[in-house]
């Protein structure tokens, strides 16, 4: 079990157009990650809806191939 950070980043970028994605392996074990996702697509959405967008971008891998992911969403500044 486990997933590479680059794969997580790729899936999120493909699932949320224009997203800036930063992934951190929290334990160095390839199973516990944090994702900071900044996207204009989050504007006007609740935090729950934003997190759901990230989860949906992972195409069902969260809880299977990807054991744990802390999700932090942000809206770009300056707009």
PDB file of N, CA and C in Angstrom:
ATOM      1  N   UNK A   1       0.856  -1.175   0.000  1.00  0.00           N
ATOM      2  CA  UNK A   1       0.000   0.000   0.000  1.00  0.00           C
ATOM      3  C   UNK A   1       0.899   1.235   0.000  1.00  0.00           C
ATOM      4  N   UNK A   2       0.435   2.305  -0.509  1.00  0.00           N
ATOM      5  CA  UNK A   2       1.200   3.530  -0.578  1.00  0.00           C
ATOM      6  C   UNK A   2       1.075   4.152  -1.951  1.00  0.00           C
ATOM      7  N   UNK A   3       1.353   5.425  -1.981  1.00  0.00           N
ATOM      8  CA  UNK A   3       1.222   6.168  -3.227  1.00  0.00           C
ATOM      9  C   UNK A   3       2.306   7.236  -3.251  1.00  0.00           C
ATOM     10  N   UNK A   4       2.860   7.501  -4.391  1.00  0.00           N
ATOM     11  CA  UNK A   4       3.903   8.517  -4.498  1.00  0.00           C
ATOM     12  C   UNK A   4       3.286   9.912  -4.523  1.00  0.00           C
ATOM     13  N   UNK A   5       4.009  10.852  -3.931  1.00  0.00           N
ATOM     14  CA  UNK A   5       3.552  12.242  -3.878  1.00  0.00           C
ATOM     15  C   UNK A   5       3.281  12.793  -5.275  1.00  0.00           C
ATOM     16  N   UNK A   6       4.118  12.438  -6.230  1.00  0.00           N
ATOM     17  CA  UNK A   6       3.948  12.932  -7.602  1.00  0.00           C
ATOM     18  C   UNK A   6       2.626  12.461  -8.205  1.00  0.00           C
ATOM     19  N   UNK A   7       2.204  11.254  -7.859  1.00  0.00           N
ATOM     20  CA  UNK A   7       0.932  10.726  -8.359  1.00  0.00           C
ATOM     21  C   UNK A   7      -0.238  11.480  -7.755  1.00  0.00           C
ATOM     22  N   UNK A   8      -0.159  11.748  -6.462  1.00  0.00           N
ATOM     23  CA  UNK A   8      -1.214  12.511  -5.795  1.00  0.00           C
ATOM     24  C   UNK A   8      -1.325  13.897  -6.424  1.00  0.00           C
ATOM     25  N   UNK A   9      -0.189  14.542  -6.598  1.00  0.00           N
ATOM     26  CA  UNK A   9      -0.163  15.881  -7.202  1.00  0.00           C
ATOM     27  C   UNK A   9      -0.767  15.860  -8.599  1.00  0.00           C
ATOM     28  N   UNK A  10      -0.385  14.883  -9.400  1.00  0.00           N
ATOM     29  CA  UNK A  10      -0.883  14.772 -10.774  1.00  0.00           C
ATOM     30  C   UNK A  10      -2.405  14.608 -10.803  1.00  0.00           C
ATOM     31  N   UNK A  11      -2.923  13.717  -9.966  1.00  0.00           N
ATOM     32  CA  UNK A  11      -4.366  13.480  -9.940  1.00  0.00           C
ATOM     33  C   UNK A  11      -5.132  14.748  -9.552  1.00  0.00           C
ATOM     34  N   UNK A  12      -4.635  15.464  -8.560  1.00  0.00           N
ATOM     35  CA  UNK A  12      -5.323  16.686  -8.127  1.00  0.00           C
ATOM     36  C   UNK A  12      -5.260  17.748  -9.214  1.00  0.00           C
ATOM     37  N   UNK A  13      -4.087  17.915  -9.830  1.00  0.00           N
ATOM     38  CA  UNK A  13      -3.956  18.908 -10.918  1.00  0.00           C
ATOM     39  C   UNK A  13      -4.883  18.582 -12.087  1.00  0.00           C
ATOM     40  N   UNK A  14      -4.993  17.315 -12.411  1.00  0.00           N
ATOM     41  CA  UNK A  14      -5.877  16.911 -13.509  1.00  0.00           C
ATOM     42  C   UNK A  14      -7.343  17.069 -13.140  1.00  0.00           C
ATOM     43  N   UNK A  15      -7.679  16.875 -11.873  1.00  0.00           N
ATOM     44  CA  UNK A  15      -9.066  16.931 -11.433  1.00  0.00           C
ATOM     45  C   UNK A  15      -9.576  18.323 -11.118  1.00  0.00           C
ATOM     46  N   UNK A  16      -8.658  19.259 -10.847  1.00  0.00           N
ATOM     47  CA  UNK A  16      -9.049  20.639 -10.522  1.00  0.00           C
ATOM     48  C   UNK A  16      -8.234  21.566 -11.409  1.00  0.00           C
ATOM     49  N   UNK A  17      -8.875  22.077 -12.439  1.00  0.00           N
ATOM     50  CA  UNK A  17      -8.191  22.915 -13.424  1.00  0.00           C
ATOM     51  C   UNK A  17      -7.514  24.118 -12.780  1.00  0.00           C
ATOM     52  N   UNK A  18      -6.258  24.332 -13.137  1.00  0.00           N
ATOM     53  CA  UNK A  18      -5.522  25.500 -12.676  1.00  0.00           C
ATOM     54  C   UNK A  18      -5.044  25.428 -11.236  1.00  0.00           C
ATOM     55  N   UNK A  19      -5.170  24.277 -10.611  1.00  0.00           N
ATOM     56  CA  UNK A  19      -4.786  24.149  -9.197  1.00  0.00           C
ATOM     57  C   UNK A  19      -3.275  24.200  -9.021  1.00  0.00           C
ATOM     58  N   UNK A  20      -2.862  24.876  -7.963  1.00  0.00           N
ATOM     59  CA  UNK A  20      -1.484  24.841  -7.499  1.00  0.00           C
ATOM     60  C   UNK A  20      -1.478  23.825  -6.353  1.00  0.00           C
ATOM     61  N   UNK A  21      -0.631  22.818  -6.451  1.00  0.00           N
ATOM     62  CA  UNK A  21      -0.660  21.713  -5.493  1.00  0.00           C
ATOM     63  C   UNK A  21       0.712  21.527  -4.865  1.00  0.00           C
ATOM     64  N   UNK A  22       0.729  21.414  -3.544  1.00  0.00           N
ATOM     65  CA  UNK A  22       1.959  21.103  -2.809  1.00  0.00           C
ATOM     66  C   UNK A  22       1.667  19.908  -1.920  1.00  0.00           C
ATOM     67  N   UNK A  23       2.482  18.863  -2.059  1.00  0.00           N
ATOM     68  CA  UNK A  23       2.304  17.630  -1.297  1.00  0.00           C
ATOM     69  C   UNK A  23       3.499  17.447  -0.368  1.00  0.00           C
ATOM     70  N   UNK A  24       3.203  17.059   0.875  1.00  0.00           N
ATOM     71  CA  UNK A  24       4.260  16.780   1.842  1.00  0.00           C
ATOM     72  C   UNK A  24       4.030  15.385   2.424  1.00  0.00           C
ATOM     73  N   UNK A  25       5.086  14.564   2.415  1.00  0.00           N
ATOM     74  CA  UNK A  25       5.038  13.242   3.038  1.00  0.00           C
ATOM     75  C   UNK A  25       5.316  13.449   4.519  1.00  0.00           C
ATOM     76  N   UNK A  26       4.305  13.317   5.353  1.00  0.00           N
ATOM     77  CA  UNK A  26       4.396  13.687   6.761  1.00  0.00           C
ATOM     78  C   UNK A  26       5.292  12.767   7.589  1.00  0.00           C
ATOM     79  N   UNK A  27       5.365  11.507   7.228  1.00  0.00           N
ATOM     80  CA  UNK A  27       6.145  10.553   8.020  1.00  0.00           C
ATOM     81  C   UNK A  27       7.291   9.908   7.245  1.00  0.00           C
ATOM     82  N   UNK A  28       7.379  10.232   5.966  1.00  0.00           N
ATOM     83  CA  UNK A  28       8.414   9.610   5.143  1.00  0.00           C
ATOM     84  C   UNK A  28       8.111   8.160   4.804  1.00  0.00           C
ATOM     85  N   UNK A  29       6.846   7.761   4.965  1.00  0.00           N
ATOM     86  CA  UNK A  29       6.477   6.367   4.735  1.00  0.00           C
ATOM     87  C   UNK A  29       5.664   6.145   3.465  1.00  0.00           C
ATOM     88  N   UNK A  30       5.373   7.221   2.723  1.00  0.00           N
ATOM     89  CA  UNK A  30       4.587   7.079   1.497  1.00  0.00           C
ATOM     90  C   UNK A  30       3.126   6.766   1.737  1.00  0.00           C
ATOM     91  N   UNK A  31       2.668   6.945   2.971  1.00  0.00           N
ATOM     92  CA  UNK A  31       1.270   6.648   3.278  1.00  0.00           C
ATOM     93  C   UNK A  31       0.547   7.771   4.000  1.00  0.00           C
ATOM     94  N   UNK A  32       1.263   8.720   4.553  1.00  0.00           N
ATOM     95  CA  UNK A  32       0.655   9.819   5.316  1.00  0.00           C
ATOM     96  C   UNK A  32       1.118  11.145   4.711  1.00  0.00           C
ATOM     97  N   UNK A  33       0.205  11.810   4.031  1.00  0.00           N
ATOM     98  CA  UNK A  33       0.538  13.032   3.306  1.00  0.00           C
ATOM     99  C   UNK A  33      -0.325  14.209   3.763  1.00  0.00           C
ATOM    100  N   UNK A  34       0.172  15.395   3.445  1.00  0.00           N
ATOM    101  CA  UNK A  34      -0.610  16.623   3.554  1.00  0.00           C
ATOM    102  C   UNK A  34      -0.608  17.258   2.165  1.00  0.00           C
ATOM    103  N   UNK A  35      -1.738  17.799   1.768  1.00  0.00           N
ATOM    104  CA  UNK A  35      -1.854  18.482   0.481  1.00  0.00           C
ATOM    105  C   UNK A  35      -2.357  19.900   0.720  1.00  0.00           C
ATOM    106  N   UNK A  36      -1.647  20.862   0.144  1.00  0.00           N
ATOM    107  CA  UNK A  36      -2.106  22.245   0.137  1.00  0.00           C
ATOM    108  C   UNK A  36      -2.490  22.536  -1.306  1.00  0.00           C
ATOM    109  N   UNK A  37      -3.770  22.806  -1.514  1.00  0.00           N
ATOM    110  CA  UNK A  37      -4.288  23.003  -2.861  1.00  0.00           C
ATOM    111  C   UNK A  37      -4.893  24.402  -2.955  1.00  0.00           C
ATOM    112  N   UNK A  38      -4.359  25.188  -3.874  1.00  0.00           N
ATOM    113  CA  UNK A  38      -4.857  26.540  -4.108  1.00  0.00           C
ATOM    114  C   UNK A  38      -5.491  26.556  -5.492  1.00  0.00           C
ATOM    115  N   UNK A  39      -6.767  26.974  -5.544  1.00  0.00           N
ATOM    116  CA  UNK A  39      -7.462  26.958  -6.835  1.00  0.00           C
ATOM    117  C   UNK A  39      -8.587  27.990  -6.864  1.00  0.00           C
ATOM    118  N   UNK A  40      -8.706  28.650  -7.975  1.00  0.00           N
ATOM    119  CA  UNK A  40      -9.808  29.588  -8.194  1.00  0.00           C
ATOM    120  C   UNK A  40     -11.147  28.841  -8.158  1.00  0.00           C
ATOM    121  N   UNK A  41     -11.125  27.570  -8.532  1.00  0.00           N
ATOM    122  CA  UNK A  41     -12.347  26.760  -8.553  1.00  0.00           C
ATOM    123  C   UNK A  41     -12.994  26.649  -7.174  1.00  0.00           C
ATOM    124  N   UNK A  42     -12.261  26.943  -6.120  1.00  0.00           N
ATOM    125  CA  UNK A  42     -12.791  26.869  -4.760  1.00  0.00           C
ATOM    126  C   UNK A  42     -13.610  28.107  -4.370  1.00  0.00           C
ATOM    127  N   UNK A  43     -13.440  29.181  -5.114  1.00  0.00           N
ATOM    128  CA  UNK A  43     -14.105  30.440  -4.761  1.00  0.00           C
ATOM    129  C   UNK A  43     -15.625  30.248  -4.694  1.00  0.00           C
ATOM    130  N   UNK A  44     -16.207  30.704  -3.578  1.00  0.00           N
ATOM    131  CA  UNK A  44     -17.650  30.626  -3.391  1.00  0.00           C
ATOM    132  C   UNK A  44     -18.148  29.288  -2.862  1.00  0.00           C
ATOM    133  N   UNK A  45     -17.233  28.342  -2.686  1.00  0.00           N
ATOM    134  CA  UNK A  45     -17.626  27.024  -2.186  1.00  0.00           C
ATOM    135  C   UNK A  45     -17.280  26.912  -0.701  1.00  0.00           C
ATOM    136  N   UNK A  46     -18.044  26.112   0.016  1.00  0.00           N
ATOM    137  CA  UNK A  46     -17.747  25.866   1.428  1.00  0.00           C
ATOM    138  C   UNK A  46     -16.462  25.050   1.533  1.00  0.00           C
ATOM    139  N   UNK A  47     -15.873  25.065   2.709  1.00  0.00           N
ATOM    140  CA  UNK A  47     -14.654  24.274   2.946  1.00  0.00           C
ATOM    141  C   UNK A  47     -14.938  22.784   2.690  1.00  0.00           C
ATOM    142  N   UNK A  48     -16.100  22.332   3.091  1.00  0.00           N
ATOM    143  CA  UNK A  48     -16.459  20.923   2.860  1.00  0.00           C
ATOM    144  C   UNK A  48     -16.517  20.618   1.362  1.00  0.00           C
ATOM    145  N   UNK A  49     -17.121  21.507   0.596  1.00  0.00           N
ATOM    146  CA  UNK A  49     -17.208  21.309  -0.858  1.00  0.00           C
ATOM    147  C   UNK A  49     -15.814  21.335  -1.494  1.00  0.00           C
ATOM    148  N   UNK A  50     -14.946  22.203  -1.000  1.00  0.00           N
ATOM    149  CA  UNK A  50     -13.575  22.271  -1.514  1.00  0.00           C
ATOM    150  C   UNK A  50     -12.840  20.962  -1.261  1.00  0.00           C
ATOM    151  N   UNK A  51     -12.962  20.444  -0.039  1.00  0.00           N
ATOM    152  CA  UNK A  51     -12.305  19.181   0.303  1.00  0.00           C
ATOM    153  C   UNK A  51     -12.877  18.035  -0.516  1.00  0.00           C
ATOM    154  N   UNK A  52     -14.162  18.055  -0.750  1.00  0.00           N
ATOM    155  CA  UNK A  52     -14.794  17.018  -1.563  1.00  0.00           C
ATOM    156  C   UNK A  52     -14.247  17.052  -2.997  1.00  0.00           C
ATOM    157  N   UNK A  53     -13.986  18.250  -3.510  1.00  0.00           N
ATOM    158  CA  UNK A  53     -13.408  18.368  -4.852  1.00  0.00           C
ATOM    159  C   UNK A  53     -12.041  17.682  -4.911  1.00  0.00           C
ATOM    160  N   UNK A  54     -11.240  17.894  -3.873  1.00  0.00           N
ATOM    161  CA  UNK A  54      -9.922  17.254  -3.818  1.00  0.00           C
ATOM    162  C   UNK A  54     -10.086  15.735  -3.714  1.00  0.00           C
ATOM    163  N   UNK A  55     -10.975  15.289  -2.852  1.00  0.00           N
ATOM    164  CA  UNK A  55     -11.218  13.849  -2.706  1.00  0.00           C
ATOM    165  C   UNK A  55     -11.695  13.245  -4.018  1.00  0.00           C
ATOM    166  N   UNK A  56     -12.589  13.930  -4.718  1.00  0.00           N
ATOM    167  CA  UNK A  56     -13.096  13.435  -5.998  1.00  0.00           C
ATOM    168  C   UNK A  56     -11.967  13.341  -7.030  1.00  0.00           C
ATOM    169  N   UNK A  57     -11.043  14.295  -6.999  1.00  0.00           N
ATOM    170  CA  UNK A  57      -9.920  14.283  -7.937  1.00  0.00           C
ATOM    171  C   UNK A  57      -9.035  13.055  -7.731  1.00  0.00           C
ATOM    172  N   UNK A  58      -9.047  12.499  -6.527  1.00  0.00           N
ATOM    173  CA  UNK A  58      -8.224  11.325  -6.229  1.00  0.00           C
ATOM    174  C   UNK A  58      -8.867  10.020  -6.699  1.00  0.00           C
ATOM    175  N   UNK A  59     -10.043  10.105  -7.274  1.00  0.00           N
ATOM    176  CA  UNK A  59     -10.699   8.994  -7.967  1.00  0.00           C
ATOM    177  C   UNK A  59     -10.807   7.720  -7.121  1.00  0.00           C
ATOM    178  N   UNK A  60     -11.219   7.875  -5.878  1.00  0.00           N
ATOM    179  CA  UNK A  60     -11.454   6.713  -5.032  1.00  0.00           C
ATOM    180  C   UNK A  60     -10.217   6.100  -4.406  1.00  0.00           C
ATOM    181  N   UNK A  61      -9.077   6.710  -4.580  1.00  0.00           N
ATOM    182  CA  UNK A  61      -7.837   6.143  -4.039  1.00  0.00           C
ATOM    183  C   UNK A  61      -7.631   6.449  -2.554  1.00  0.00           C
ATOM    184  N   UNK A  62      -8.313   7.489  -2.044  1.00  0.00           N
ATOM    185  CA  UNK A  62      -8.181   7.844  -0.636  1.00  0.00           C
ATOM    186  C   UNK A  62      -8.824   6.752   0.209  1.00  0.00           C
ATOM    187  N   UNK A  63      -8.044   6.193   1.125  1.00  0.00           N
ATOM    188  CA  UNK A  63      -8.526   5.103   1.963  1.00  0.00           C
ATOM    189  C   UNK A  63      -8.186   3.727   1.401  1.00  0.00           C
ATOM    190  N   UNK A  64      -7.697   3.691   0.163  1.00  0.00           N
ATOM    191  CA  UNK A  64      -7.263   2.420  -0.422  1.00  0.00           C
ATOM    192  C   UNK A  64      -5.763   2.510  -0.693  1.00  0.00           C
ATOM    193  N   UNK A  65      -5.367   2.993  -1.866  1.00  0.00           N
ATOM    194  CA  UNK A  65      -3.944   3.174  -2.180  1.00  0.00           C
ATOM    195  C   UNK A  65      -3.314   4.265  -1.322  1.00  0.00           C
ATOM    196  N   UNK A  66      -4.095   5.271  -1.010  1.00  0.00           N
ATOM    197  CA  UNK A  66      -3.628   6.408  -0.223  1.00  0.00           C
ATOM    198  C   UNK A  66      -4.235   6.299   1.170  1.00  0.00           C
ATOM    199  N   UNK A  67      -3.404   6.017   2.146  1.00  0.00           N
ATOM    200  CA  UNK A  67      -3.891   5.743   3.499  1.00  0.00           C
ATOM    201  C   UNK A  67      -4.436   6.986   4.195  1.00  0.00           C
ATOM    202  N   UNK A  68      -3.678   8.084   4.212  1.00  0.00           N
ATOM    203  CA  UNK A  68      -4.107   9.276   4.953  1.00  0.00           C
ATOM    204  C   UNK A  68      -3.660  10.542   4.229  1.00  0.00           C
ATOM    205  N   UNK A  69      -4.566  11.512   4.156  1.00  0.00           N
ATOM    206  CA  UNK A  69      -4.262  12.779   3.502  1.00  0.00           C
ATOM    207  C   UNK A  69      -4.915  13.924   4.267  1.00  0.00           C
ATOM    208  N   UNK A  70      -4.087  14.817   4.785  1.00  0.00           N
ATOM    209  CA  UNK A  70      -4.596  16.067   5.360  1.00  0.00           C
ATOM    210  C   UNK A  70      -4.797  17.020   4.191  1.00  0.00           C
ATOM    211  N   UNK A  71      -5.970  17.598   4.090  1.00  0.00           N
ATOM    212  CA  UNK A  71      -6.273  18.500   2.977  1.00  0.00           C
ATOM    213  C   UNK A  71      -6.407  19.922   3.494  1.00  0.00           C
ATOM    214  N   UNK A  72      -5.646  20.828   2.870  1.00  0.00           N
ATOM    215  CA  UNK A  72      -5.729  22.255   3.164  1.00  0.00           C
ATOM    216  C   UNK A  72      -6.046  22.948   1.847  1.00  0.00           C
ATOM    217  N   UNK A  73      -7.173  23.639   1.771  1.00  0.00           N
ATOM    218  CA  UNK A  73      -7.544  24.313   0.526  1.00  0.00           C
ATOM    219  C   UNK A  73      -7.459  25.819   0.706  1.00  0.00           C
ATOM    220  N   UNK A  74      -7.115  26.482  -0.379  1.00  0.00           N
ATOM    221  CA  UNK A  74      -6.990  27.933  -0.370  1.00  0.00           C
ATOM    222  C   UNK A  74      -7.505  28.497  -1.697  1.00  0.00           C
ATOM    223  N   UNK A  75      -7.925  29.757  -1.609  1.00  0.00           N
ATOM    224  CA  UNK A  75      -8.331  30.484  -2.808  1.00  0.00           C
ATOM    225  C   UNK A  75      -7.215  31.476  -3.114  1.00  0.00           C
ATOM    226  N   UNK A  76      -6.834  31.632  -4.383  1.00  0.00           N
ATOM    227  CA  UNK A  76      -5.756  32.569  -4.715  1.00  0.00           C
ATOM    228  C   UNK A  76      -6.087  33.986  -4.259  1.00  0.00           C
ATOM    229  N   UNK A  77      -5.084  34.680  -3.780  1.00  0.00           N
ATOM    230  CA  UNK A  77      -5.268  36.071  -3.358  1.00  0.00           C
ATOM    231  C   UNK A  77      -5.251  36.992  -4.566  1.00  0.00           C
ATOM    232  N   UNK A  78      -5.806  38.158  -4.381  1.00  0.00           N
ATOM    233  CA  UNK A  78      -5.684  39.186  -5.421  1.00  0.00           C
ATOM    234  C   UNK A  78      -6.790  39.202  -6.446  1.00  0.00           C
ATOM    235  N   UNK A  79      -7.865  38.494  -6.213  1.00  0.00           N
ATOM    236  CA  UNK A  79      -8.974  38.533  -7.182  1.00  0.00           C
ATOM    237  C   UNK A  79     -10.234  38.934  -6.492  1.00  0.00           C
TER     238      UNK A  79
END
